[in-house]
PDB file of N, CA and C in Angstrom:
ATOM      1  N   UNK A   1      19.434  31.984  -0.452  1.00  0.00           N
ATOM      2  CA  UNK A   1      20.676  32.027  -1.319  1.00  0.00           C
ATOM      3  C   UNK A   1      20.518  31.076  -2.390  1.00  0.00           C
ATOM      4  N   UNK A   2      20.688  31.546  -3.571  1.00  0.00           N
ATOM      5  CA  UNK A   2      20.696  30.527  -4.748  1.00  0.00           C
ATOM      6  C   UNK A   2      21.990  30.085  -5.144  1.00  0.00           C
ATOM      7  N   UNK A   3      21.954  28.788  -5.383  1.00  0.00           N
ATOM      8  CA  UNK A   3      23.234  28.075  -5.828  1.00  0.00           C
ATOM      9  C   UNK A   3      22.894  27.448  -7.276  1.00  0.00           C
ATOM     10  N   UNK A   4      23.970  27.401  -8.094  1.00  0.00           N
ATOM     11  CA  UNK A   4      23.858  26.768  -9.250  1.00  0.00           C
ATOM     12  C   UNK A   4      24.835  25.525  -9.284  1.00  0.00           C
ATOM     13  N   UNK A   5      24.338  24.392  -9.691  1.00  0.00           N
ATOM     14  CA  UNK A   5      25.173  23.151  -9.667  1.00  0.00           C
ATOM     15  C   UNK A   5      25.491  22.987 -11.106  1.00  0.00           C
ATOM     16  N   UNK A   6      26.840  22.735 -11.263  1.00  0.00           N
ATOM     17  CA  UNK A   6      27.253  22.543 -12.597  1.00  0.00           C
ATOM     18  C   UNK A   6      27.839  21.049 -12.524  1.00  0.00           C
ATOM     19  N   UNK A   7      27.371  20.290 -13.409  1.00  0.00           N
ATOM     20  CA  UNK A   7      27.831  18.844 -13.568  1.00  0.00           C
ATOM     21  C   UNK A   7      29.057  18.792 -14.617  1.00  0.00           C
ATOM     22  N   UNK A   8      30.068  18.377 -14.104  1.00  0.00           N
ATOM     23  CA  UNK A   8      31.221  18.245 -15.101  1.00  0.00           C
ATOM     24  C   UNK A   8      31.283  16.948 -15.442  1.00  0.00           C
ATOM     25  N   UNK A   9      31.748  16.738 -16.731  1.00  0.00           N
ATOM     26  CA  UNK A   9      31.994  15.488 -17.375  1.00  0.00           C
ATOM     27  C   UNK A   9      33.164  14.669 -16.598  1.00  0.00           C
ATOM     28  N   UNK A  10      33.139  13.430 -16.459  1.00  0.00           N
ATOM     29  CA  UNK A  10      34.415  12.800 -15.914  1.00  0.00           C
ATOM     30  C   UNK A  10      35.460  12.843 -16.911  1.00  0.00           C
ATOM     31  N   UNK A  11      36.650  12.782 -16.311  1.00  0.00           N
ATOM     32  CA  UNK A  11      37.958  12.888 -17.070  1.00  0.00           C
ATOM     33  C   UNK A  11      38.635  11.599 -16.901  1.00  0.00           C
ATOM     34  N   UNK A  12      39.220  11.045 -17.751  1.00  0.00           N
ATOM     35  CA  UNK A  12      40.150   9.878 -17.636  1.00  0.00           C
ATOM     36  C   UNK A  12      39.350   8.667 -18.035  1.00  0.00           C
ATOM     37  N   UNK A  13      39.291   7.761 -17.062  1.00  0.00           N
ATOM     38  CA  UNK A  13      38.725   6.332 -17.450  1.00  0.00           C
ATOM     39  C   UNK A  13      37.277   6.448 -17.629  1.00  0.00           C
ATOM     40  N   UNK A  14      36.810   5.560 -18.451  1.00  0.00           N
ATOM     41  CA  UNK A  14      35.231   5.565 -18.687  1.00  0.00           C
ATOM     42  C   UNK A  14      34.389   5.294 -17.432  1.00  0.00           C
ATOM     43  N   UNK A  15      34.784   4.574 -16.459  1.00  0.00           N
ATOM     44  CA  UNK A  15      34.033   4.411 -15.233  1.00  0.00           C
ATOM     45  C   UNK A  15      34.223   5.353 -14.148  1.00  0.00           C
ATOM     46  N   UNK A  16      35.226   6.308 -14.331  1.00  0.00           N
ATOM     47  CA  UNK A  16      35.436   7.265 -13.411  1.00  0.00           C
ATOM     48  C   UNK A  16      34.097   8.112 -13.129  1.00  0.00           C
ATOM     49  N   UNK A  17      33.726   8.479 -11.924  1.00  0.00           N
ATOM     50  CA  UNK A  17      32.461   9.140 -11.571  1.00  0.00           C
ATOM     51  C   UNK A  17      32.644  10.677 -11.958  1.00  0.00           C
ATOM     52  N   UNK A  18      31.488  11.190 -12.250  1.00  0.00           N
ATOM     53  CA  UNK A  18      31.504  12.607 -12.515  1.00  0.00           C
ATOM     54  C   UNK A  18      31.560  13.400 -11.269  1.00  0.00           C
ATOM     55  N   UNK A  19      31.777  14.649 -11.335  1.00  0.00           N
ATOM     56  CA  UNK A  19      31.688  15.376 -10.098  1.00  0.00           C
ATOM     57  C   UNK A  19      30.930  16.730 -10.371  1.00  0.00           C
ATOM     58  N   UNK A  20      30.403  17.347  -9.277  1.00  0.00           N
ATOM     59  CA  UNK A  20      29.817  18.689  -9.480  1.00  0.00           C
ATOM     60  C   UNK A  20      30.674  19.770  -8.693  1.00  0.00           C
ATOM     61  N   UNK A  21      30.160  20.881  -9.102  1.00  0.00           N
ATOM     62  CA  UNK A  21      30.868  22.201  -8.610  1.00  0.00           C
ATOM     63  C   UNK A  21      29.600  23.137  -8.341  1.00  0.00           C
ATOM     64  N   UNK A  22      29.649  23.548  -7.085  1.00  0.00           N
ATOM     65  CA  UNK A  22      28.582  24.404  -6.620  1.00  0.00           C
ATOM     66  C   UNK A  22      29.189  25.718  -6.607  1.00  0.00           C
ATOM     67  N   UNK A  23      28.378  26.693  -7.343  1.00  0.00           N
ATOM     68  CA  UNK A  23      28.855  27.960  -7.458  1.00  0.00           C
ATOM     69  C   UNK A  23      27.606  28.876  -7.004  1.00  0.00           C
ATOM     70  N   UNK A  24      28.079  29.901  -6.284  1.00  0.00           N
ATOM     71  CA  UNK A  24      27.109  30.800  -5.851  1.00  0.00           C
ATOM     72  C   UNK A  24      26.446  31.647  -7.074  1.00  0.00           C
ATOM     73  N   UNK A  25      25.082  32.054  -6.968  1.00  0.00           N
ATOM     74  CA  UNK A  25      24.384  32.696  -8.046  1.00  0.00           C
ATOM     75  C   UNK A  25      25.143  33.898  -8.411  1.00  0.00           C
ATOM     76  N   UNK A  26      25.743  34.594  -7.420  1.00  0.00           N
ATOM     77  CA  UNK A  26      26.456  36.000  -7.679  1.00  0.00           C
ATOM     78  C   UNK A  26      27.618  35.545  -8.835  1.00  0.00           C
ATOM     79  N   UNK A  27      28.356  34.656  -8.582  1.00  0.00           N
ATOM     80  CA  UNK A  27      29.418  34.296  -9.550  1.00  0.00           C
ATOM     81  C   UNK A  27      28.841  34.022 -11.048  1.00  0.00           C
ATOM     82  N   UNK A  28      27.805  33.191 -11.132  1.00  0.00           N
ATOM     83  CA  UNK A  28      27.303  32.991 -12.504  1.00  0.00           C
ATOM     84  C   UNK A  28      26.645  34.318 -13.099  1.00  0.00           C
ATOM     85  N   UNK A  29      26.446  35.271 -12.382  1.00  0.00           N
ATOM     86  CA  UNK A  29      25.844  36.409 -12.866  1.00  0.00           C
ATOM     87  C   UNK A  29      26.833  37.542 -13.142  1.00  0.00           C
ATOM     88  N   UNK A  30      28.060  37.380 -12.827  1.00  0.00           N
ATOM     89  CA  UNK A  30      28.960  38.285 -12.889  1.00  0.00           C
ATOM     90  C   UNK A  30      29.541  38.353 -14.332  1.00  0.00           C
ATOM     91  N   UNK A  31      29.915  39.593 -14.851  1.00  0.00           N
ATOM     92  CA  UNK A  31      30.602  39.796 -16.101  1.00  0.00           C
ATOM     93  C   UNK A  31      31.892  39.417 -16.112  1.00  0.00           C
ATOM     94  N   UNK A  32      32.747  39.091 -15.055  1.00  0.00           N
ATOM     95  CA  UNK A  32      34.064  38.607 -14.974  1.00  0.00           C
ATOM     96  C   UNK A  32      34.260  37.157 -14.792  1.00  0.00           C
ATOM     97  N   UNK A  33      33.025  36.353 -14.583  1.00  0.00           N
ATOM     98  CA  UNK A  33      33.086  34.972 -14.371  1.00  0.00           C
ATOM     99  C   UNK A  33      33.539  34.204 -15.708  1.00  0.00           C
ATOM    100  N   UNK A  34      34.439  33.134 -15.611  1.00  0.00           N
ATOM    101  CA  UNK A  34      34.879  32.329 -16.641  1.00  0.00           C
ATOM    102  C   UNK A  34      33.824  31.195 -16.731  1.00  0.00           C
ATOM    103  N   UNK A  35      32.927  31.315 -17.741  1.00  0.00           N
ATOM    104  CA  UNK A  35      31.900  30.324 -17.815  1.00  0.00           C
ATOM    105  C   UNK A  35      32.459  28.973 -18.472  1.00  0.00           C
ATOM    106  N   UNK A  36      33.664  28.922 -18.916  1.00  0.00           N
ATOM    107  CA  UNK A  36      34.385  27.721 -19.447  1.00  0.00           C
ATOM    108  C   UNK A  36      35.041  27.099 -18.248  1.00  0.00           C
ATOM    109  N   UNK A  37      35.380  27.841 -17.162  1.00  0.00           N
ATOM    110  CA  UNK A  37      36.006  27.314 -15.978  1.00  0.00           C
ATOM    111  C   UNK A  37      35.459  28.069 -14.748  1.00  0.00           C
ATOM    112  N   UNK A  38      34.332  27.254 -14.314  1.00  0.00           N
ATOM    113  CA  UNK A  38      33.410  28.080 -13.280  1.00  0.00           C
ATOM    114  C   UNK A  38      34.104  28.341 -11.956  1.00  0.00           C
ATOM    115  N   UNK A  39      35.252  27.819 -11.835  1.00  0.00           N
ATOM    116  CA  UNK A  39      36.019  28.095 -10.534  1.00  0.00           C
ATOM    117  C   UNK A  39      36.952  29.285 -10.677  1.00  0.00           C
ATOM    118  N   UNK A  40      37.063  29.925 -11.757  1.00  0.00           N
ATOM    119  CA  UNK A  40      37.902  31.002 -12.035  1.00  0.00           C
ATOM    120  C   UNK A  40      37.199  32.239 -12.692  1.00  0.00           C
ATOM    121  N   UNK A  41      37.759  33.405 -12.474  1.00  0.00           N
ATOM    122  CA  UNK A  41      37.246  34.632 -13.234  1.00  0.00           C
ATOM    123  C   UNK A  41      38.437  35.547 -13.497  1.00  0.00           C
ATOM    124  N   UNK A  42      38.118  36.696 -14.060  1.00  0.00           N
ATOM    125  CA  UNK A  42      39.196  37.774 -14.367  1.00  0.00           C
ATOM    126  C   UNK A  42      39.756  38.175 -13.148  1.00  0.00           C
ATOM    127  N   UNK A  43      39.085  38.426 -11.917  1.00  0.00           N
ATOM    128  CA  UNK A  43      39.563  38.933 -10.916  1.00  0.00           C
ATOM    129  C   UNK A  43      40.531  37.854 -10.017  1.00  0.00           C
ATOM    130  N   UNK A  44      40.198  36.522 -10.296  1.00  0.00           N
ATOM    131  CA  UNK A  44      40.786  35.526  -9.593  1.00  0.00           C
ATOM    132  C   UNK A  44      41.169  34.253 -10.658  1.00  0.00           C
ATOM    133  N   UNK A  45      42.228  34.665 -11.484  1.00  0.00           N
ATOM    134  CA  UNK A  45      42.526  33.730 -12.530  1.00  0.00           C
ATOM    135  C   UNK A  45      42.981  32.404 -11.958  1.00  0.00           C
ATOM    136  N   UNK A  46      43.508  32.362 -10.834  1.00  0.00           N
ATOM    137  CA  UNK A  46      44.197  31.088 -10.175  1.00  0.00           C
ATOM    138  C   UNK A  46      43.053  30.353  -9.426  1.00  0.00           C
ATOM    139  N   UNK A  47      41.942  31.010  -9.190  1.00  0.00           N
ATOM    140  CA  UNK A  47      40.899  30.255  -8.539  1.00  0.00           C
ATOM    141  C   UNK A  47      40.046  31.328  -7.665  1.00  0.00           C
ATOM    142  N   UNK A  48      38.684  31.286  -7.774  1.00  0.00           N
ATOM    143  CA  UNK A  48      37.986  32.081  -6.940  1.00  0.00           C
ATOM    144  C   UNK A  48      37.997  31.542  -5.526  1.00  0.00           C
ATOM    145  N   UNK A  49      38.147  32.439  -4.514  1.00  0.00           N
ATOM    146  CA  UNK A  49      38.270  32.059  -3.039  1.00  0.00           C
ATOM    147  C   UNK A  49      36.965  31.427  -2.782  1.00  0.00           C
ATOM    148  N   UNK A  50      37.120  30.417  -1.835  1.00  0.00           N
ATOM    149  CA  UNK A  50      35.955  29.455  -1.432  1.00  0.00           C
ATOM    150  C   UNK A  50      34.901  30.435  -0.818  1.00  0.00           C
ATOM    151  N   UNK A  51      35.171  31.276   0.046  1.00  0.00           N
ATOM    152  CA  UNK A  51      34.057  32.114   0.637  1.00  0.00           C
ATOM    153  C   UNK A  51      33.233  32.792  -0.361  1.00  0.00           C
ATOM    154  N   UNK A  52      33.765  33.099  -1.545  1.00  0.00           N
ATOM    155  CA  UNK A  52      33.049  33.933  -2.600  1.00  0.00           C
ATOM    156  C   UNK A  52      32.210  32.701  -3.317  1.00  0.00           C
ATOM    157  N   UNK A  53      32.832  31.622  -3.797  1.00  0.00           N
ATOM    158  CA  UNK A  53      32.065  30.539  -4.316  1.00  0.00           C
ATOM    159  C   UNK A  53      30.835  30.051  -3.614  1.00  0.00           C
ATOM    160  N   UNK A  54      31.102  30.128  -2.322  1.00  0.00           N
ATOM    161  CA  UNK A  54      30.084  29.444  -1.372  1.00  0.00           C
ATOM    162  C   UNK A  54      28.969  30.507  -1.112  1.00  0.00           C
ATOM    163  N   UNK A  55      29.100  31.785  -1.523  1.00  0.00           N
ATOM    164  CA  UNK A  55      28.356  32.792  -1.197  1.00  0.00           C
ATOM    165  C   UNK A  55      28.362  33.428   0.060  1.00  0.00           C
ATOM    166  N   UNK A  56      29.380  33.058   0.884  1.00  0.00           N
ATOM    167  CA  UNK A  56      29.697  33.937   2.172  1.00  0.00           C
ATOM    168  C   UNK A  56      30.061  35.261   1.888  1.00  0.00           C
ATOM    169  N   UNK A  57      30.555  35.625   0.818  1.00  0.00           N
ATOM    170  CA  UNK A  57      31.086  37.072   0.554  1.00  0.00           C
ATOM    171  C   UNK A  57      30.485  37.301  -0.969  1.00  0.00           C
ATOM    172  N   UNK A  58      29.939  38.357  -1.160  1.00  0.00           N
ATOM    173  CA  UNK A  58      29.442  38.797  -2.458  1.00  0.00           C
ATOM    174  C   UNK A  58      30.424  39.624  -3.313  1.00  0.00           C
ATOM    175  N   UNK A  59      31.662  39.710  -2.905  1.00  0.00           N
ATOM    176  CA  UNK A  59      32.664  40.353  -3.662  1.00  0.00           C
ATOM    177  C   UNK A  59      32.310  41.724  -4.151  1.00  0.00           C
ATOM    178  N   UNK A  60      31.645  42.432  -3.481  1.00  0.00           N
ATOM    179  CA  UNK A  60      31.350  43.834  -3.837  1.00  0.00           C
ATOM    180  C   UNK A  60      32.324  44.914  -3.189  1.00  0.00           C
ATOM    181  N   UNK A  61      33.213  44.422  -2.423  1.00  0.00           N
ATOM    182  CA  UNK A  61      34.360  45.203  -1.709  1.00  0.00           C
ATOM    183  C   UNK A  61      35.749  44.612  -2.065  1.00  0.00           C
ATOM    184  N   UNK A  62      36.600  45.200  -1.948  1.00  0.00           N
ATOM    185  CA  UNK A  62      38.035  44.550  -2.309  1.00  0.00           C
ATOM    186  C   UNK A  62      38.247  43.290  -1.444  1.00  0.00           C
ATOM    187  N   UNK A  63      38.919  42.485  -2.175  1.00  0.00           N
ATOM    188  CA  UNK A  63      39.211  41.103  -1.505  1.00  0.00           C
ATOM    189  C   UNK A  63      40.827  41.229  -1.026  1.00  0.00           C
ATOM    190  N   UNK A  64      40.913  41.147   0.255  1.00  0.00           N
ATOM    191  CA  UNK A  64      42.155  41.546   0.770  1.00  0.00           C
ATOM    192  C   UNK A  64      42.864  40.192   1.081  1.00  0.00           C
ATOM    193  N   UNK A  65      44.154  39.902   0.768  1.00  0.00           N
ATOM    194  CA  UNK A  65      44.934  38.727   1.280  1.00  0.00           C
ATOM    195  C   UNK A  65      46.372  39.198   1.510  1.00  0.00           C
ATOM    196  N   UNK A  66      46.852  38.810   2.645  1.00  0.00           N
ATOM    197  CA  UNK A  66      48.149  39.221   3.026  1.00  0.00           C
ATOM    198  C   UNK A  66      48.358  40.749   3.026  1.00  0.00           C
ATOM    199  N   UNK A  67      47.286  41.456   3.394  1.00  0.00           N
ATOM    200  CA  UNK A  67      47.291  43.047   3.486  1.00  0.00           C
ATOM    201  C   UNK A  67      47.204  43.684   2.101  1.00  0.00           C
ATOM    202  N   UNK A  68      47.009  42.735   1.057  1.00  0.00           N
ATOM    203  CA  UNK A  68      47.001  43.453  -0.242  1.00  0.00           C
ATOM    204  C   UNK A  68      45.708  43.117  -1.130  1.00  0.00           C
ATOM    205  N   UNK A  69      45.159  44.016  -2.038  1.00  0.00           N
ATOM    206  CA  UNK A  69      44.091  43.633  -2.869  1.00  0.00           C
ATOM    207  C   UNK A  69      44.560  42.433  -3.711  1.00  0.00           C
ATOM    208  N   UNK A  70      43.721  41.471  -3.766  1.00  0.00           N
ATOM    209  CA  UNK A  70      43.975  40.119  -4.440  1.00  0.00           C
ATOM    210  C   UNK A  70      43.089  39.876  -5.709  1.00  0.00           C
ATOM    211  N   UNK A  71      42.225  40.997  -6.021  1.00  0.00           N
ATOM    212  CA  UNK A  71      41.229  40.865  -6.984  1.00  0.00           C
ATOM    213  C   UNK A  71      41.416  41.582  -8.244  1.00  0.00           C
ATOM    214  N   UNK A  72      42.635  42.150  -8.321  1.00  0.00           N
ATOM    215  CA  UNK A  72      43.018  43.022  -9.513  1.00  0.00           C
ATOM    216  C   UNK A  72      42.126  44.339  -9.665  1.00  0.00           C
ATOM    217  N   UNK A  73      41.552  44.724  -8.578  1.00  0.00           N
ATOM    218  CA  UNK A  73      40.657  45.931  -8.642  1.00  0.00           C
ATOM    219  C   UNK A  73      39.327  45.728  -9.249  1.00  0.00           C
ATOM    220  N   UNK A  74      39.144  44.262  -9.600  1.00  0.00           N
ATOM    221  CA  UNK A  74      37.709  43.969 -10.165  1.00  0.00           C
ATOM    222  C   UNK A  74      36.801  43.350  -8.992  1.00  0.00           C
ATOM    223  N   UNK A  75      35.610  43.859  -9.052  1.00  0.00           N
ATOM    224  CA  UNK A  75      34.466  43.486  -8.043  1.00  0.00           C
ATOM    225  C   UNK A  75      33.359  42.912  -8.990  1.00  0.00           C
ATOM    226  N   UNK A  76      32.464  42.274  -8.143  1.00  0.00           N
ATOM    227  CA  UNK A  76      31.166  41.775  -8.687  1.00  0.00           C
ATOM    228  C   UNK A  76      30.555  42.906  -9.727  1.00  0.00           C
ATOM    229  N   UNK A  77      30.423  42.515 -10.860  1.00  0.00           N
ATOM    230  CA  UNK A  77      29.618  43.413 -11.841  1.00  0.00           C
ATOM    231  C   UNK A  77      28.603  42.554 -12.539  1.00  0.00           C
ATOM    232  N   UNK A  78      27.385  42.847 -12.456  1.00  0.00           N
ATOM    233  CA  UNK A  78      26.382  41.958 -13.134  1.00  0.00           C
ATOM    234  C   UNK A  78      26.518  41.999 -14.655  1.00  0.00           C
ATOM    235  N   UNK A  79      26.159  40.842 -15.182  1.00  0.00           N
ATOM    236  CA  UNK A  79      26.142  40.930 -16.749  1.00  0.00           C
ATOM    237  C   UNK A  79      24.992  41.752 -17.137  1.00  0.00           C
ATOM    238  N   UNK A  80      25.266  42.428 -18.231  1.00  0.00           N
ATOM    239  CA  UNK A  80      24.099  43.397 -18.727  1.00  0.00           C
ATOM    240  C   UNK A  80      22.969  42.693 -19.349  1.00  0.00           C
ATOM    241  N   UNK A  81      21.887  43.222 -19.791  1.00  0.00           N
ATOM    242  CA  UNK A  81      20.656  42.546 -20.308  1.00  0.00           C
ATOM    243  C   UNK A  81      21.148  41.690 -21.534  1.00  0.00           C
ATOM    244  N   UNK A  82      22.076  42.231 -22.310  1.00  0.00           N
ATOM    245  CA  UNK A  82      22.453  41.405 -23.519  1.00  0.00           C
ATOM    246  C   UNK A  82      23.360  40.274 -23.259  1.00  0.00           C
ATOM    247  N   UNK A  83      23.651  40.110 -21.977  1.00  0.00           N
ATOM    248  CA  UNK A  83      24.624  38.861 -21.548  1.00  0.00           C
ATOM    249  C   UNK A  83      26.169  39.043 -21.638  1.00  0.00           C
ATOM    250  N   UNK A  84      26.450  40.344 -21.891  1.00  0.00           N
ATOM    251  CA  UNK A  84      27.866  40.850 -22.121  1.00  0.00           C
ATOM    252  C   UNK A  84      28.541  41.503 -20.809  1.00  0.00           C
TER     253      UNK A  84
END
């Protein structure tokens, strides 16, 4: 399983440590992924579920929470060759 590590710049004070975000390869190759905010996408604008971020679920089936679809009907869709 491939992971991409994104190094985020520190916020606030100059000596504040930076932090990293680990995102599953499937997320960063998905057409719906928010490249400006790697923890969100069009399917999950409030935050991608941890199981998907960690690669435990590839999000090719509906994501169900509280008995309802929680992904707006959007599933993993690879970016086309042109990057769109």
